[in-house]
Amino acid sequence: IAVDAMGGDNAPQSVVEGVEKARDAFEDMEFVL
């Protein structure tokens, strides 16, 4: 997944936290920030 890590009011903090939560939950996903 290509992630715009700078987009949003709470970026990049909330984006990074959400990505790590998804990474921990789904072993078949990887992310490019």
PDB file of all heavy atoms in Angstrom:
ATOM      1  N   ILE A   1       0.838  -1.184   0.000  1.00  0.00           N
ATOM      2  CA  ILE A   1       0.000   0.000   0.000  1.00  0.00           C
ATOM      3  C   ILE A   1       0.880   1.244   0.000  1.00  0.00           C
ATOM      4  O   ILE A   1       1.765   1.394   0.857  1.00  0.00           O
ATOM      5  CB  ILE A   1      -0.930   0.041   1.234  1.00  0.00           C
ATOM      6  CG1 ILE A   1      -1.581  -1.330   1.477  1.00  0.00           C
ATOM      7  CG2 ILE A   1      -1.967   1.153   1.073  1.00  0.00           C
ATOM      8  CD1 ILE A   1      -2.384  -1.862   0.321  1.00  0.00           C
ATOM      9  N   ALA A   2       0.638   2.147  -0.959  1.00  0.00           N
ATOM     10  CA  ALA A   2       1.325   3.431  -1.003  1.00  0.00           C
ATOM     11  C   ALA A   2       0.541   4.409  -0.142  1.00  0.00           C
ATOM     12  O   ALA A   2      -0.635   4.672  -0.396  1.00  0.00           O
ATOM     13  CB  ALA A   2       1.420   3.937  -2.439  1.00  0.00           C
ATOM     14  N   VAL A   3       1.195   4.958   0.876  1.00  0.00           N
ATOM     15  CA  VAL A   3       0.522   5.793   1.871  1.00  0.00           C
ATOM     16  C   VAL A   3       1.041   7.227   1.800  1.00  0.00           C
ATOM     17  O   VAL A   3       2.250   7.462   1.910  1.00  0.00           O
ATOM     18  CB  VAL A   3       0.755   5.237   3.297  1.00  0.00           C
ATOM     19  CG1 VAL A   3       0.094   6.125   4.338  1.00  0.00           C
ATOM     20  CG2 VAL A   3       0.251   3.799   3.396  1.00  0.00           C
ATOM     21  N   ASP A   4       0.108   8.159   1.619  1.00  0.00           N
ATOM     22  CA  ASP A   4       0.431   9.576   1.737  1.00  0.00           C
ATOM     23  C   ASP A   4       0.486   9.880   3.233  1.00  0.00           C
ATOM     24  O   ASP A   4      -0.525  10.185   3.860  1.00  0.00           O
ATOM     25  CB  ASP A   4      -0.648  10.415   1.038  1.00  0.00           C
ATOM     26  CG  ASP A   4      -0.544  11.902   1.349  1.00  0.00           C
ATOM     27  OD1 ASP A   4       0.534  12.345   1.783  1.00  0.00           O
ATOM     28  OD2 ASP A   4      -1.555  12.626   1.157  1.00  0.00           O
ATOM     29  N   ALA A   5       1.671   9.802   3.801  1.00  0.00           N
ATOM     30  CA  ALA A   5       1.813   9.907   5.254  1.00  0.00           C
ATOM     31  C   ALA A   5       1.672  11.338   5.766  1.00  0.00           C
ATOM     32  O   ALA A   5       1.534  11.548   6.969  1.00  0.00           O
ATOM     33  CB  ALA A   5       3.164   9.343   5.691  1.00  0.00           C
ATOM     34  N   MET A   6       1.686  12.326   4.867  1.00  0.00           N
ATOM     35  CA  MET A   6       1.630  13.721   5.284  1.00  0.00           C
ATOM     36  C   MET A   6       0.227  14.310   5.154  1.00  0.00           C
ATOM     37  O   MET A   6      -0.014  15.456   5.549  1.00  0.00           O
ATOM     38  CB  MET A   6       2.610  14.563   4.453  1.00  0.00           C
ATOM     39  CG  MET A   6       4.034  14.037   4.429  1.00  0.00           C
ATOM     40  SD  MET A   6       4.759  13.813   6.070  1.00  0.00           S
ATOM     41  CE  MET A   6       4.847  15.505   6.635  1.00  0.00           C
ATOM     42  N   GLY A   7      -0.722  13.551   4.611  1.00  0.00           N
ATOM     43  CA  GLY A   7      -2.066  14.065   4.392  1.00  0.00           C
ATOM     44  C   GLY A   7      -2.937  13.942   5.622  1.00  0.00           C
ATOM     45  O   GLY A   7      -2.962  12.898   6.278  1.00  0.00           O
ATOM     46  N   GLY A   8      -3.686  15.003   5.943  1.00  0.00           N
ATOM     47  CA  GLY A   8      -4.620  14.932   7.070  1.00  0.00           C
ATOM     48  C   GLY A   8      -4.237  15.845   8.222  1.00  0.00           C
ATOM     49  O   GLY A   8      -3.078  16.267   8.355  1.00  0.00           O
ATOM     50  N   ASP A   9      -5.206  16.137   9.065  1.00  0.00           N
ATOM     51  CA  ASP A   9      -5.001  17.058  10.189  1.00  0.00           C
ATOM     52  C   ASP A   9      -4.041  16.496  11.231  1.00  0.00           C
ATOM     53  O   ASP A   9      -3.337  17.263  11.898  1.00  0.00           O
ATOM     54  CB  ASP A   9      -6.347  17.356  10.873  1.00  0.00           C
ATOM     55  CG  ASP A   9      -7.363  17.941   9.913  1.00  0.00           C
ATOM     56  OD1 ASP A   9      -6.942  18.539   8.903  1.00  0.00           O
ATOM     57  OD2 ASP A   9      -8.577  17.791  10.161  1.00  0.00           O
ATOM     58  N   ASN A  10      -4.046  15.178  11.395  1.00  0.00           N
ATOM     59  CA  ASN A  10      -3.245  14.556  12.450  1.00  0.00           C
ATOM     60  C   ASN A  10      -2.034  13.799  11.914  1.00  0.00           C
ATOM     61  O   ASN A  10      -1.459  12.959  12.620  1.00  0.00           O
ATOM     62  CB  ASN A  10      -4.125  13.605  13.269  1.00  0.00           C
ATOM     63  CG  ASN A  10      -5.338  14.301  13.839  1.00  0.00           C
ATOM     64  OD1 ASN A  10      -5.240  15.387  14.386  1.00  0.00           O
ATOM     65  ND2 ASN A  10      -6.504  13.676  13.714  1.00  0.00           N
ATOM     66  N   ALA A  11      -1.676  14.088  10.672  1.00  0.00           N
ATOM     67  CA  ALA A  11      -0.529  13.412  10.058  1.00  0.00           C
ATOM     68  C   ALA A  11       0.774  14.085  10.517  1.00  0.00           C
ATOM     69  O   ALA A  11       0.795  15.274  10.825  1.00  0.00           O
ATOM     70  CB  ALA A  11      -0.654  13.494   8.536  1.00  0.00           C
ATOM     71  N   PRO A  12       1.865  13.309  10.550  1.00  0.00           N
ATOM     72  CA  PRO A  12       1.932  11.878  10.226  1.00  0.00           C
ATOM     73  C   PRO A  12       1.658  10.940  11.413  1.00  0.00           C
ATOM     74  O   PRO A  12       1.629   9.739  11.233  1.00  0.00           O
ATOM     75  CB  PRO A  12       3.373  11.718   9.743  1.00  0.00           C
ATOM     76  CG  PRO A  12       4.145  12.732  10.532  1.00  0.00           C
ATOM     77  CD  PRO A  12       3.218  13.899  10.721  1.00  0.00           C
ATOM     78  N   GLN A  13       1.445  11.485  12.599  1.00  0.00           N
ATOM     79  CA  GLN A  13       1.312  10.663  13.807  1.00  0.00           C
ATOM     80  C   GLN A  13       0.205   9.616  13.687  1.00  0.00           C
ATOM     81  O   GLN A  13       0.443   8.414  13.849  1.00  0.00           O
ATOM     82  CB  GLN A  13       1.034  11.558  15.019  1.00  0.00           C
ATOM     83  CG  GLN A  13       0.882  10.812  16.339  1.00  0.00           C
ATOM     84  CD  GLN A  13       2.197  10.321  16.911  1.00  0.00           C
ATOM     85  OE1 GLN A  13       3.158  11.078  16.977  1.00  0.00           O
ATOM     86  NE2 GLN A  13       2.256   9.062  17.321  1.00  0.00           N
ATOM     87  N   SER A  14      -1.025  10.043  13.405  1.00  0.00           N
ATOM     88  CA  SER A  14      -2.149   9.102  13.357  1.00  0.00           C
ATOM     89  C   SER A  14      -2.010   8.121  12.197  1.00  0.00           C
ATOM     90  O   SER A  14      -2.426   6.958  12.302  1.00  0.00           O
ATOM     91  CB  SER A  14      -3.469   9.857  13.245  1.00  0.00           C
ATOM     92  OG  SER A  14      -3.521  10.617  12.050  1.00  0.00           O
ATOM     93  N   VAL A  15      -1.425   8.590  11.091  1.00  0.00           N
ATOM     94  CA  VAL A  15      -1.232   7.707   9.935  1.00  0.00           C
ATOM     95  C   VAL A  15      -0.265   6.589  10.289  1.00  0.00           C
ATOM     96  O   VAL A  15      -0.522   5.405  10.025  1.00  0.00           O
ATOM     97  CB  VAL A  15      -0.717   8.507   8.712  1.00  0.00           C
ATOM     98  CG1 VAL A  15      -0.431   7.566   7.546  1.00  0.00           C
ATOM     99  CG2 VAL A  15      -1.739   9.566   8.293  1.00  0.00           C
ATOM    100  N   VAL A  16       0.838   6.945  10.901  1.00  0.00           N
ATOM    101  CA  VAL A  16       1.841   5.945  11.289  1.00  0.00           C
ATOM    102  C   VAL A  16       1.253   4.951  12.293  1.00  0.00           C
ATOM    103  O   VAL A  16       1.421   3.728  12.148  1.00  0.00           O
ATOM    104  CB  VAL A  16       3.087   6.635  11.879  1.00  0.00           C
ATOM    105  CG1 VAL A  16       4.007   5.602  12.543  1.00  0.00           C
ATOM    106  CG2 VAL A  16       3.841   7.391  10.801  1.00  0.00           C
ATOM    107  N   GLU A  17       0.538   5.449  13.293  1.00  0.00           N
ATOM    108  CA  GLU A  17      -0.042   4.562  14.298  1.00  0.00           C
ATOM    109  C   GLU A  17      -1.055   3.595  13.673  1.00  0.00           C
ATOM    110  O   GLU A  17      -1.082   2.408  14.016  1.00  0.00           O
ATOM    111  CB  GLU A  17      -0.726   5.392  15.389  1.00  0.00           C
ATOM    112  CG  GLU A  17       0.250   6.139  16.277  1.00  0.00           C
ATOM    113  CD  GLU A  17      -0.450   6.995  17.319  1.00  0.00           C
ATOM    114  OE1 GLU A  17      -1.705   6.969  17.367  1.00  0.00           O
ATOM    115  OE2 GLU A  17       0.241   7.682  18.096  1.00  0.00           O
ATOM    116  N   GLY A  18      -1.873   4.106  12.746  1.00  0.00           N
ATOM    117  CA  GLY A  18      -2.854   3.253  12.081  1.00  0.00           C
ATOM    118  C   GLY A  18      -2.210   2.217  11.187  1.00  0.00           C
ATOM    119  O   GLY A  18      -2.655   1.061  11.124  1.00  0.00           O
ATOM    120  N   VAL A  19      -1.156   2.622  10.496  1.00  0.00           N
ATOM    121  CA  VAL A  19      -0.423   1.693   9.632  1.00  0.00           C
ATOM    122  C   VAL A  19       0.199   0.573  10.466  1.00  0.00           C
ATOM    123  O   VAL A  19       0.132  -0.612  10.099  1.00  0.00           O
ATOM    124  CB  VAL A  19       0.652   2.451   8.825  1.00  0.00           C
ATOM    125  CG1 VAL A  19       1.688   1.483   8.249  1.00  0.00           C
ATOM    126  CG2 VAL A  19       0.013   3.256   7.703  1.00  0.00           C
ATOM    127  N   GLU A  20       0.809   0.909  11.581  1.00  0.00           N
ATOM    128  CA  GLU A  20       1.428  -0.122  12.423  1.00  0.00           C
ATOM    129  C   GLU A  20       0.378  -1.071  12.992  1.00  0.00           C
ATOM    130  O   GLU A  20       0.616  -2.280  13.105  1.00  0.00           O
ATOM    131  CB  GLU A  20       2.229   0.534  13.544  1.00  0.00           C
ATOM    132  CG  GLU A  20       3.495   1.202  13.055  1.00  0.00           C
ATOM    133  CD  GLU A  20       4.572   1.280  14.114  1.00  0.00           C
ATOM    134  OE1 GLU A  20       4.590   2.276  14.859  1.00  0.00           O
ATOM    135  OE2 GLU A  20       5.395   0.342  14.199  1.00  0.00           O
ATOM    136  N   LYS A  21      -0.771  -0.535  13.320  1.00  0.00           N
ATOM    137  CA  LYS A  21      -1.856  -1.382  13.825  1.00  0.00           C
ATOM    138  C   LYS A  21      -2.311  -2.364  12.746  1.00  0.00           C
ATOM    139  O   LYS A  21      -2.531  -3.554  13.019  1.00  0.00           O
ATOM    140  CB  LYS A  21      -3.029  -0.497  14.266  1.00  0.00           C
ATOM    141  CG  LYS A  21      -4.169  -1.232  14.943  1.00  0.00           C
ATOM    142  CD  LYS A  21      -5.234  -0.251  15.422  1.00  0.00           C
ATOM    143  CE  LYS A  21      -6.409  -0.971  16.052  1.00  0.00           C
ATOM    144  NZ  LYS A  21      -6.066  -1.681  17.285  1.00  0.00           N
ATOM    145  N   ALA A  22      -2.428  -1.893  11.504  1.00  0.00           N
ATOM    146  CA  ALA A  22      -2.822  -2.766  10.394  1.00  0.00           C
ATOM    147  C   ALA A  22      -1.721  -3.772  10.073  1.00  0.00           C
ATOM    148  O   ALA A  22      -2.002  -4.946   9.792  1.00  0.00           O
ATOM    149  CB  ALA A  22      -3.144  -1.918   9.162  1.00  0.00           C
ATOM    150  N   ARG A  23      -0.471  -3.324  10.109  1.00  0.00           N
ATOM    151  CA  ARG A  23       0.664  -4.225   9.855  1.00  0.00           C
ATOM    152  C   ARG A  23       0.691  -5.373  10.855  1.00  0.00           C
ATOM    153  O   ARG A  23       0.933  -6.539  10.496  1.00  0.00           O
ATOM    154  CB  ARG A  23       1.948  -3.403   9.919  1.00  0.00           C
ATOM    155  CG  ARG A  23       3.267  -4.131   9.569  1.00  0.00           C
ATOM    156  CD  ARG A  23       3.910  -4.814  10.758  1.00  0.00           C
ATOM    157  NE  ARG A  23       3.874  -4.044  11.981  1.00  0.00           N
ATOM    158  CZ  ARG A  23       4.728  -3.058  12.289  1.00  0.00           C
ATOM    159  NH1 ARG A  23       5.700  -2.726  11.461  1.00  0.00           N
ATOM    160  NH2 ARG A  23       4.612  -2.422  13.465  1.00  0.00           N
ATOM    161  N   ASP A  24       0.398  -5.051  12.124  1.00  0.00           N
ATOM    162  CA  ASP A  24       0.397  -6.083  13.157  1.00  0.00           C
ATOM    163  C   ASP A  24      -0.769  -7.052  12.998  1.00  0.00           C
ATOM    164  O   ASP A  24      -0.661  -8.228  13.359  1.00  0.00           O
ATOM    165  CB  ASP A  24       0.324  -5.426  14.547  1.00  0.00           C
ATOM    166  CG  ASP A  24       1.577  -4.645  14.890  1.00  0.00           C
ATOM    167  OD1 ASP A  24       2.618  -4.877  14.243  1.00  0.00           O
ATOM    168  OD2 ASP A  24       1.510  -3.784  15.793  1.00  0.00           O
ATOM    169  N   ALA A  25      -1.877  -6.559  12.447  1.00  0.00           N
ATOM    170  CA  ALA A  25      -3.069  -7.400  12.309  1.00  0.00           C
ATOM    171  C   ALA A  25      -3.046  -8.273  11.063  1.00  0.00           C
ATOM    172  O   ALA A  25      -3.604  -9.382  11.055  1.00  0.00           O
ATOM    173  CB  ALA A  25      -4.321  -6.519  12.291  1.00  0.00           C
ATOM    174  N   PHE A  26      -2.394  -7.787   9.989  1.00  0.00           N
ATOM    175  CA  PHE A  26      -2.456  -8.481   8.696  1.00  0.00           C
ATOM    176  C   PHE A  26      -1.046  -8.765   8.176  1.00  0.00           C
ATOM    177  O   PHE A  26      -0.347  -7.857   7.720  1.00  0.00           O
ATOM    178  CB  PHE A  26      -3.244  -7.640   7.684  1.00  0.00           C
ATOM    179  CG  PHE A  26      -4.590  -7.187   8.197  1.00  0.00           C
ATOM    180  CD1 PHE A  26      -4.852  -5.840   8.384  1.00  0.00           C
ATOM    181  CD2 PHE A  26      -5.573  -8.111   8.513  1.00  0.00           C
ATOM    182  CE1 PHE A  26      -6.079  -5.413   8.863  1.00  0.00           C
ATOM    183  CE2 PHE A  26      -6.810  -7.699   8.989  1.00  0.00           C
ATOM    184  CZ  PHE A  26      -7.069  -6.343   9.174  1.00  0.00           C
ATOM    185  N   GLU A  27      -0.674 -10.029   8.215  1.00  0.00           N
ATOM    186  CA  GLU A  27       0.695 -10.405   7.829  1.00  0.00           C
ATOM    187  C   GLU A  27       0.946 -10.297   6.334  1.00  0.00           C
ATOM    188  O   GLU A  27       2.100 -10.310   5.893  1.00  0.00           O
ATOM    189  CB  GLU A  27       0.982 -11.834   8.296  1.00  0.00           C
ATOM    190  CG  GLU A  27       1.013 -11.991   9.807  1.00  0.00           C
ATOM    191  CD  GLU A  27       1.352 -13.403  10.233  1.00  0.00           C
ATOM    192  OE1 GLU A  27       1.465 -14.286   9.338  1.00  0.00           O
ATOM    193  OE2 GLU A  27       1.518 -13.642  11.450  1.00  0.00           O
ATOM    194  N   ASP A  28      -0.136 -10.189   5.532  1.00  0.00           N
ATOM    195  CA  ASP A  28       0.036 -10.125   4.081  1.00  0.00           C
ATOM    196  C   ASP A  28       0.072  -8.692   3.562  1.00  0.00           C
ATOM    197  O   ASP A  28       0.004  -8.467   2.355  1.00  0.00           O
ATOM    198  CB  ASP A  28      -1.082 -10.900   3.375  1.00  0.00           C
ATOM    199  CG  ASP A  28      -2.477 -10.423   3.780  1.00  0.00           C
ATOM    200  OD1 ASP A  28      -2.576  -9.572   4.678  1.00  0.00           O
ATOM    201  OD2 ASP A  28      -3.458 -10.921   3.188  1.00  0.00           O
ATOM    202  N   MET A  29       0.191  -7.712   4.454  1.00  0.00           N
ATOM    203  CA  MET A  29       0.240  -6.312   4.038  1.00  0.00           C
ATOM    204  C   MET A  29       1.585  -5.687   4.355  1.00  0.00           C
ATOM    205  O   MET A  29       2.170  -5.939   5.407  1.00  0.00           O
ATOM    206  CB  MET A  29      -0.860  -5.487   4.722  1.00  0.00           C
ATOM    207  CG  MET A  29      -2.276  -5.914   4.393  1.00  0.00           C
ATOM    208  SD  MET A  29      -3.522  -4.763   5.048  1.00  0.00           S
ATOM    209  CE  MET A  29      -3.485  -3.476   3.789  1.00  0.00           C
ATOM    210  N   GLU A  30       2.079  -4.878   3.413  1.00  0.00           N
ATOM    211  CA  GLU A  30       3.246  -4.043   3.678  1.00  0.00           C
ATOM    212  C   GLU A  30       2.956  -2.630   3.189  1.00  0.00           C
ATOM    213  O   GLU A  30       2.069  -2.420   2.346  1.00  0.00           O
ATOM    214  CB  GLU A  30       4.511  -4.609   3.032  1.00  0.00           C
ATOM    215  CG  GLU A  30       4.471  -4.746   1.540  1.00  0.00           C
ATOM    216  CD  GLU A  30       5.778  -5.321   1.002  1.00  0.00           C
ATOM    217  OE1 GLU A  30       6.804  -4.630   1.132  1.00  0.00           O
ATOM    218  OE2 GLU A  30       5.756  -6.441   0.457  1.00  0.00           O
ATOM    219  N   PHE A  31       3.694  -1.657   3.707  1.00  0.00           N
ATOM    220  CA  PHE A  31       3.354  -0.257   3.486  1.00  0.00           C
ATOM    221  C   PHE A  31       4.582   0.550   3.099  1.00  0.00           C
ATOM    222  O   PHE A  31       5.667   0.355   3.656  1.00  0.00           O
ATOM    223  CB  PHE A  31       2.736   0.339   4.758  1.00  0.00           C
ATOM    224  CG  PHE A  31       1.537  -0.434   5.253  1.00  0.00           C
ATOM    225  CD1 PHE A  31       1.702  -1.508   6.132  1.00  0.00           C
ATOM    226  CD2 PHE A  31       0.268  -0.120   4.830  1.00  0.00           C
ATOM    227  CE1 PHE A  31       0.609  -2.230   6.586  1.00  0.00           C
ATOM    228  CE2 PHE A  31      -0.835  -0.837   5.271  1.00  0.00           C
ATOM    229  CZ  PHE A  31      -0.663  -1.895   6.149  1.00  0.00           C
ATOM    230  N   VAL A  32       4.372   1.459   2.155  1.00  0.00           N
ATOM    231  CA  VAL A  32       5.408   2.427   1.795  1.00  0.00           C
ATOM    232  C   VAL A  32       4.880   3.799   2.201  1.00  0.00           C
ATOM    233  O   VAL A  32       3.858   4.256   1.676  1.00  0.00           O
ATOM    234  CB  VAL A  32       5.729   2.405   0.293  1.00  0.00           C
ATOM    235  CG1 VAL A  32       6.888   3.344  -0.005  1.00  0.00           C
ATOM    236  CG2 VAL A  32       6.024   0.997  -0.191  1.00  0.00           C
ATOM    237  N   LEU A  33       5.572   4.447   3.130  1.00  0.00           N
ATOM    238  CA  LEU A  33       5.140   5.746   3.627  1.00  0.00           C
ATOM    239  C   LEU A  33       5.872   6.851   2.870  1.00  0.00           C
ATOM    240  O   LEU A  33       7.096   6.956   2.942  1.00  0.00           O
ATOM    241  CB  LEU A  33       5.426   5.865   5.121  1.00  0.00           C
ATOM    242  CG  LEU A  33       4.837   4.773   6.020  1.00  0.00           C
ATOM    243  CD1 LEU A  33       5.086   5.089   7.481  1.00  0.00           C
ATOM    244  CD2 LEU A  33       3.358   4.603   5.772  1.00  0.00           C
TER     245      LEU A  33
END
